[in-house]
């Protein structure tokens, strides 16, 4: 029994090793900045201002969810705005898992089995690329004064252009898809990869892209406001909005290059280093990152958890309705056979 549990634990650790490493990095950050000092900074938080961060956080994700809803509608998926928003928040529960950003695709596909997984994935990819690009623009005020920032912006731009070009240019996309087919674990995504490109191209038209970019711009701007509110709540009033925007934007860019799910650990560590570089004590810098992530990730996950449970139950019901009478009869016979076997 013990060896079986050990093997199971080893398999689990092998599957989520990157997440475990990121969590260890986050713990190391807390230890490095001195936990008592971190607690002291958090204890001085202005909770009145922190409470005002709640509606701002909700509006950020409502803007992002609405942008996703527009993308879905443009690709032919008929879904209500309310249900799309519930799936947006439900997806936050899985944000730190590998490919956690695609959890919404799984939830949507279970609710609507007839929808193409690749097309749904294309809407999420377009949405995430747009948001990351807009948040990355937060470093632009420092581009003219710092060569290293200029190089990072150029690298970020090249990466985004490279991804979009690979998807848009069919020969490059087909070559990449054929390369993925050579790896056995990726072969199951072949159909989804074939469906992703048409959906992505559909969203490049100005009638589709313009409202999505407008909503994502609002979400990015409010994200900057949210982080600055976190600084003010911690008493870091000497940090200007332009500086806080630069710190958050650069942290997102660098954490995105780490390929860690949700940027866990990498984002907080990088943000702390940038805060220290702008004259903020390490404990206060780490506290700012933790407070910001508590709202953008923890709060939204707590809100999304009930929606995830409801979506799971509702999805099972929708899937049964989507099945034919014969399939439902077969499922009923299997359930009865299982009940007799247990008795």
Protein backbone atom coordinates (compact mmCIF):
# COMPACT_ATOMS: atom_id res chain seq x y z
CA UNK A 1 0.00 0.00 0.00
CA UNK A 2 2.81 2.39 0.95
CA UNK A 3 4.75 1.69 -2.24
CA UNK A 4 1.61 2.26 -4.29
CA UNK A 5 1.05 5.62 -2.60
CA UNK A 6 4.69 6.48 -3.15
CA UNK A 7 4.50 5.66 -6.85
CA UNK A 8 1.30 7.69 -7.14
CA UNK A 9 2.98 10.65 -5.41
CA UNK A 10 6.01 10.37 -7.69
CA UNK A 11 3.79 10.31 -10.79
CA UNK A 12 1.88 13.34 -9.53
CA UNK A 13 5.12 15.21 -8.82
CA UNK A 14 6.45 14.26 -12.25
CA UNK A 15 3.33 15.66 -13.86
CA UNK A 16 3.27 18.91 -11.91
CA UNK A 17 6.99 19.42 -11.27
CA UNK A 18 6.99 22.86 -12.85
CA UNK A 19 4.14 24.00 -10.61
CA UNK A 20 5.89 22.57 -7.55
CA UNK A 21 9.10 24.37 -8.52
CA UNK A 22 7.16 27.63 -8.91
CA UNK A 23 5.49 27.19 -5.53
CA UNK A 24 8.90 26.50 -3.96
CA UNK A 25 10.19 29.71 -5.55
CA UNK A 26 7.29 31.65 -4.04
CA UNK A 27 8.02 30.21 -0.59
CA UNK A 28 11.71 31.06 -1.06
CA UNK A 29 10.75 34.65 -1.88
CA UNK A 30 8.72 34.96 1.33
CA UNK A 31 11.61 33.54 3.37
CA UNK A 32 14.17 35.77 1.63
CA UNK A 33 12.32 39.01 2.38
CA UNK A 34 11.90 38.00 6.05
CA UNK A 35 8.38 36.77 6.96
CA UNK A 36 8.00 39.00 10.08
CA UNK A 37 8.75 42.09 7.98
CA UNK A 38 6.30 40.92 5.32
CA UNK A 39 3.60 40.45 7.95
CA UNK A 40 4.37 43.88 9.39
CA UNK A 41 3.90 45.52 5.97
CA UNK A 42 0.62 43.68 5.38
CA UNK A 43 -0.65 44.58 8.85
CA UNK A 44 -0.40 48.28 7.97
CA UNK A 45 -2.57 47.88 4.88
CA UNK A 46 -5.38 50.40 4.45
CA UNK A 47 -8.29 47.98 4.23
CA UNK A 48 -10.74 50.65 3.07
CA UNK A 49 -8.69 51.06 -0.11
CA UNK A 50 -8.21 47.30 -0.37
CA UNK A 51 -11.99 46.84 -0.38
CA UNK A 52 -12.23 49.25 -3.32
CA UNK A 53 -9.94 46.88 -5.22
CA UNK A 54 -12.69 44.23 -5.25
CA UNK A 55 -15.01 45.96 -7.78
CA UNK A 56 -12.02 46.97 -9.92
CA UNK A 57 -10.92 43.32 -10.06
CA UNK A 58 -14.42 42.23 -11.04
CA UNK A 59 -14.59 44.80 -13.84
CA UNK A 60 -11.19 43.64 -15.17
CA UNK A 61 -12.46 40.10 -15.62
CA UNK A 62 -15.87 41.20 -16.85
CA UNK A 63 -14.07 43.11 -19.61
CA UNK A 64 -11.95 40.07 -20.44
CA UNK A 65 -14.95 37.74 -20.33
CA UNK A 66 -16.93 40.06 -22.59
CA UNK A 67 -14.01 40.16 -25.03
CA UNK A 68 -14.03 36.35 -25.09
CA UNK A 69 -17.80 36.39 -25.62
CA UNK A 70 -17.36 38.67 -28.65
CA UNK A 71 -14.71 36.31 -30.03
CA UNK A 72 -16.97 33.30 -29.52
CA UNK A 73 -19.91 35.00 -31.22
CA UNK A 74 -17.72 35.98 -34.18
CA UNK A 75 -16.69 32.36 -34.65
CA UNK A 76 -20.28 31.12 -34.58
CA UNK A 77 -20.61 29.99 -30.94
CA UNK A 78 -24.01 31.02 -29.61
CA UNK A 79 -23.78 31.56 -25.86
CA UNK A 80 -25.23 34.12 -23.47
CA UNK A 81 -22.95 36.79 -22.04
CA UNK A 82 -23.78 35.73 -18.48
CA UNK A 83 -22.82 32.11 -19.05
CA UNK A 84 -19.63 33.17 -20.81
CA UNK A 85 -18.70 35.33 -17.81
CA UNK A 86 -19.35 32.45 -15.41
CA UNK A 87 -16.98 30.28 -17.46
CA UNK A 88 -14.41 33.09 -17.44
CA UNK A 89 -14.42 33.15 -13.64
CA UNK A 90 -14.64 29.35 -13.41
CA UNK A 91 -11.47 29.09 -15.48
CA UNK A 92 -9.59 31.07 -12.82
CA UNK A 93 -9.80 28.02 -10.55
CA UNK A 94 -7.37 26.20 -12.86
CA UNK A 95 -5.04 29.10 -13.72
CA UNK A 96 -1.99 27.57 -11.98
CA UNK A 97 -2.34 24.16 -13.61
CA UNK A 98 -0.44 23.29 -16.82
CA UNK A 99 -2.35 24.83 -19.75
CA UNK A 100 -4.65 26.37 -17.15
CA UNK A 101 -5.55 29.21 -19.52
CA UNK A 102 -7.30 26.62 -21.69
CA UNK A 103 -9.53 25.39 -18.86
CA UNK A 104 -12.31 27.54 -20.28
CA UNK A 105 -12.06 25.59 -23.53
CA UNK A 106 -12.64 22.31 -21.67
CA UNK A 107 -15.57 23.78 -19.71
CA UNK A 108 -17.12 25.19 -22.87
CA UNK A 109 -16.63 21.98 -24.85
CA UNK A 110 -18.25 19.90 -22.13
CA UNK A 111 -21.21 22.25 -22.17
CA UNK A 112 -21.37 22.21 -25.97
CA UNK A 113 -19.83 18.97 -27.29
CA UNK A 114 -20.67 19.93 -30.88
CA UNK A 115 -18.38 22.98 -30.78
CA UNK A 116 -14.91 22.46 -32.24
CA UNK A 117 -12.15 22.38 -29.63
CA UNK A 118 -9.67 24.00 -31.99
CA UNK A 119 -12.01 26.89 -32.76
CA UNK A 120 -12.62 27.48 -29.05
CA UNK A 121 -8.87 27.37 -28.44
CA UNK A 122 -8.35 29.92 -31.20
CA UNK A 123 -10.60 32.42 -29.41
CA UNK A 124 -8.67 32.00 -26.15
CA UNK A 125 -5.29 32.30 -27.90
CA UNK A 126 -6.40 35.50 -29.63
CA UNK A 127 -7.72 36.93 -26.37
CA UNK A 128 -4.59 36.10 -24.35
CA UNK A 129 -2.19 37.39 -27.02
CA UNK A 130 -4.11 40.66 -27.20
CA UNK A 131 -4.14 41.15 -23.43
CA UNK A 132 -0.45 40.31 -22.97
CA UNK A 133 0.50 42.69 -25.77
CA UNK A 134 -1.52 45.53 -24.23
CA UNK A 135 -0.18 44.94 -20.72
CA UNK A 136 3.33 44.88 -22.18
CA UNK A 137 2.74 48.40 -23.47
CA UNK A 138 3.02 49.52 -19.85
CA UNK A 139 6.81 49.68 -20.27
CA UNK A 140 6.64 52.16 -23.16
CA UNK A 141 7.13 55.32 -21.02
CA UNK A 142 10.61 54.02 -20.10
CA UNK A 143 11.60 52.86 -23.59
CA UNK A 144 13.26 56.11 -24.59
CA UNK A 145 15.37 56.35 -21.43
CA UNK A 146 16.56 52.75 -21.00
CA UNK A 147 18.25 50.60 -23.63
CA UNK A 148 17.55 47.32 -21.80
CA UNK A 149 13.82 48.07 -21.74
CA UNK A 150 13.93 48.95 -25.43
CA UNK A 151 15.51 45.59 -26.21
CA UNK A 152 12.86 43.78 -24.14
CA UNK A 153 10.06 45.59 -25.96
CA UNK A 154 11.61 44.66 -29.30
CA UNK A 155 11.91 41.03 -28.15
CA UNK A 156 8.30 40.98 -26.95
CA UNK A 157 7.12 42.49 -30.22
CA UNK A 158 9.14 39.98 -32.22
CA UNK A 159 7.66 37.07 -30.24
CA UNK A 160 4.09 38.28 -30.74
CA UNK A 161 4.66 38.96 -34.43
CA UNK A 162 6.28 35.54 -34.77
CA UNK A 163 3.33 33.75 -33.16
CA UNK A 164 0.75 35.64 -35.22
CA UNK A 165 2.75 35.18 -38.44
CA UNK A 166 3.08 31.45 -37.81
CA UNK A 167 -0.69 31.14 -37.40
CA UNK A 168 -1.62 33.41 -40.30
CA UNK A 169 0.92 32.16 -42.85
CA UNK A 170 -0.40 28.76 -43.87
CA UNK A 171 2.91 27.16 -44.98
CA UNK A 172 4.53 28.03 -41.64
CA UNK A 173 1.49 26.84 -39.69
CA UNK A 174 1.25 23.56 -41.60
CA UNK A 175 4.94 22.93 -41.07
CA UNK A 176 4.61 23.55 -37.35
CA UNK A 177 1.58 21.26 -37.17
CA UNK A 178 3.42 18.47 -38.99
CA UNK A 179 6.35 18.92 -36.62
CA UNK A 180 4.00 18.55 -33.65
CA UNK A 181 2.59 15.34 -35.16
CA UNK A 182 6.00 13.71 -34.83
CA UNK A 183 5.68 13.77 -31.05
CA UNK A 184 3.26 11.11 -29.86
CA UNK A 185 1.88 13.09 -26.87
CA UNK A 186 0.94 15.92 -29.26
CA UNK A 187 -0.76 13.76 -31.88
CA UNK A 188 -4.08 13.94 -30.04
CA UNK A 189 -4.13 17.70 -30.66
CA UNK A 190 -3.94 17.32 -34.45
CA UNK A 191 -7.63 17.98 -35.06
CA UNK A 192 -7.65 20.95 -32.68
CA UNK A 193 -4.62 22.44 -34.43
CA UNK A 194 -6.37 22.12 -37.78
CA UNK A 195 -9.40 23.99 -36.42
CA UNK A 196 -7.50 26.71 -34.55
CA UNK A 197 -6.20 28.65 -37.54
CA UNK A 198 -9.56 29.37 -39.28
CA UNK A 199 -11.02 30.68 -36.02
CA UNK A 200 -7.97 32.88 -35.40
CA UNK A 201 -8.14 34.30 -38.93
CA UNK A 202 -11.83 35.07 -38.43
CA UNK A 203 -10.93 37.28 -35.46
CA UNK A 204 -8.32 39.31 -37.37
CA UNK A 205 -10.99 41.21 -39.29
CA UNK A 206 -11.48 44.73 -37.96
CA UNK A 207 -15.14 44.13 -37.05
CA UNK A 208 -14.03 41.32 -34.76
CA UNK A 209 -10.68 42.66 -33.59
CA UNK A 210 -11.76 46.23 -32.79
CA UNK A 211 -14.28 45.47 -30.00
CA UNK A 212 -12.00 42.78 -28.56
CA UNK A 213 -9.00 45.13 -28.46
CA UNK A 214 -11.16 47.89 -26.92
CA UNK A 215 -12.37 45.59 -24.14
CA UNK A 216 -8.90 44.17 -23.53
CA UNK A 217 -7.47 47.70 -23.44
CA UNK A 218 -9.94 48.56 -20.69
CA UNK A 219 -8.95 45.38 -18.83
CA UNK A 220 -5.23 46.19 -19.16
CA UNK A 221 -5.71 49.79 -18.01
CA UNK A 222 -7.74 48.67 -14.99
CA UNK A 223 -5.05 46.10 -14.18
CA UNK A 224 -2.55 48.95 -13.95
CA UNK A 225 -4.99 50.88 -11.76
CA UNK A 226 -5.48 47.81 -9.56
CA UNK A 227 -1.75 47.39 -8.98
CA UNK A 228 -1.34 51.08 -8.18
CA UNK A 229 -4.20 50.79 -5.69
CA UNK A 230 -2.33 47.90 -4.05
CA UNK A 231 0.72 50.15 -3.67
CA UNK A 232 -1.36 52.95 -2.15
CA UNK A 233 -3.06 50.51 0.21
CA UNK A 234 0.38 49.46 1.48
CA UNK A 235 1.42 53.08 1.98
CA UNK A 236 3.81 53.20 -1.00
CA UNK A 237 2.57 56.61 -2.07
CA UNK A 238 5.91 57.77 -3.51
CA UNK A 239 5.61 55.38 -6.49
CA UNK A 240 4.02 57.20 -9.43
CA UNK A 241 1.39 55.62 -11.65
CA UNK A 242 3.83 55.63 -14.60
CA UNK A 243 6.41 53.76 -12.52
CA UNK A 244 3.90 51.21 -11.22
CA UNK A 245 2.66 50.67 -14.78
CA UNK A 246 6.22 50.04 -15.93
CA UNK A 247 6.88 47.58 -13.08
CA UNK A 248 3.69 45.60 -13.71
CA UNK A 249 4.11 45.54 -17.49
CA UNK A 250 7.73 44.39 -17.33
CA UNK A 251 6.87 41.75 -14.71
CA UNK A 252 4.20 40.33 -17.00
CA UNK A 253 6.58 40.24 -19.96
CA UNK A 254 9.39 38.48 -18.10
CA UNK A 255 7.11 36.09 -16.20
CA UNK A 256 5.44 35.12 -19.48
CA UNK A 257 8.83 34.05 -20.81
CA UNK A 258 9.29 31.67 -17.86
CA UNK A 259 6.54 29.33 -19.18
CA UNK A 260 5.50 28.65 -15.57
CA UNK A 261 1.71 28.15 -15.24
CA UNK A 262 0.26 31.51 -14.28
CA UNK A 263 3.78 32.86 -13.84
CA UNK A 264 3.59 31.67 -10.22
CA UNK A 265 6.73 32.55 -8.30
CA UNK A 266 8.43 34.11 -11.33
CA UNK A 267 6.01 37.05 -11.45
CA UNK A 268 6.25 37.81 -7.73
CA UNK A 269 10.04 37.49 -7.68
CA UNK A 270 10.56 39.71 -10.72
CA UNK A 271 8.12 42.30 -9.42
CA UNK A 272 9.92 42.39 -6.07
CA UNK A 273 13.28 42.94 -7.78
CA UNK A 274 11.85 45.77 -9.88
CA UNK A 275 10.28 47.36 -6.81
CA UNK A 276 13.62 47.22 -4.98
CA UNK A 277 15.24 48.84 -8.02
CA UNK A 278 12.81 51.73 -7.60
CA UNK A 279 13.67 52.34 -3.95
CA UNK A 280 11.09 50.11 -2.25
CA UNK A 281 12.14 47.75 0.58
CA UNK A 282 12.10 44.08 -0.40
CA UNK A 283 9.35 43.15 2.07
CA UNK A 284 7.09 45.94 0.79
CA UNK A 285 7.79 44.99 -2.83
CA UNK A 286 6.94 41.35 -2.19
CA UNK A 287 3.80 42.39 -0.30
CA UNK A 288 2.66 44.48 -3.27
CA UNK A 289 2.98 41.50 -5.61
CA UNK A 290 1.20 39.16 -3.20
CA UNK A 291 -1.66 41.60 -2.62
CA UNK A 292 -2.12 42.16 -6.34
CA UNK A 293 -2.14 38.41 -7.07
CA UNK A 294 -4.50 37.80 -4.15
CA UNK A 295 -7.10 39.87 -5.95
CA UNK A 296 -6.43 38.88 -9.55
CA UNK A 297 -6.05 35.14 -8.88
CA UNK A 298 -7.19 34.11 -5.39
CA UNK A 299 -10.30 36.30 -5.20
CA UNK A 300 -11.39 35.43 -8.73
CA UNK A 301 -10.77 31.72 -8.08
CA UNK A 302 -12.98 31.89 -4.97
CA UNK A 303 -15.68 33.60 -7.02
CA UNK A 304 -15.24 31.13 -9.87
CA UNK A 305 -15.27 27.96 -7.73
CA UNK A 306 -19.09 27.81 -7.38
CA UNK A 307 -19.45 28.54 -11.09
CA UNK A 308 -17.00 25.71 -11.86
CA UNK A 309 -19.08 23.29 -9.77
CA UNK A 310 -22.34 24.44 -11.35
CA UNK A 311 -20.79 24.29 -14.83
CA UNK A 312 -19.57 20.75 -14.17
CA UNK A 313 -23.03 19.58 -13.13
CA UNK A 314 -24.74 21.50 -15.91
CA UNK A 315 -22.26 20.18 -18.46
CA UNK A 316 -23.04 16.60 -17.52
CA UNK A 317 -26.72 17.32 -18.03
CA UNK A 318 -26.12 19.04 -21.37
CA UNK A 319 -23.91 16.19 -22.53
CA UNK A 320 -26.64 13.67 -21.76
CA UNK A 321 -29.16 15.76 -23.68
CA UNK A 322 -26.76 15.88 -26.63
CA UNK A 323 -26.61 12.09 -26.71
CA UNK A 324 -29.11 10.08 -28.66
CA UNK A 325 -31.72 7.83 -26.97
CA UNK A 326 -29.65 4.73 -27.70
CA UNK A 327 -26.55 6.22 -26.08
CA UNK A 328 -28.55 7.20 -23.00
CA UNK A 329 -30.03 3.71 -22.81
CA UNK A 330 -26.55 2.19 -23.01
CA UNK A 331 -25.37 4.48 -20.22
CA UNK A 332 -28.37 3.49 -18.08
CA UNK A 333 -27.63 -0.21 -18.62
CA UNK A 334 -24.00 0.33 -17.61
CA UNK A 335 -25.09 2.13 -14.44
CA UNK A 336 -27.47 -0.69 -13.51
CA UNK A 337 -24.81 -3.32 -14.20
CA UNK A 338 -22.37 -1.44 -12.00
CA UNK A 339 -24.94 -1.20 -9.20
CA UNK A 340 -25.60 -4.96 -9.36
CA UNK A 341 -21.86 -5.67 -9.29
CA UNK A 342 -21.39 -3.49 -6.20
CA UNK A 343 -24.30 -5.17 -4.43
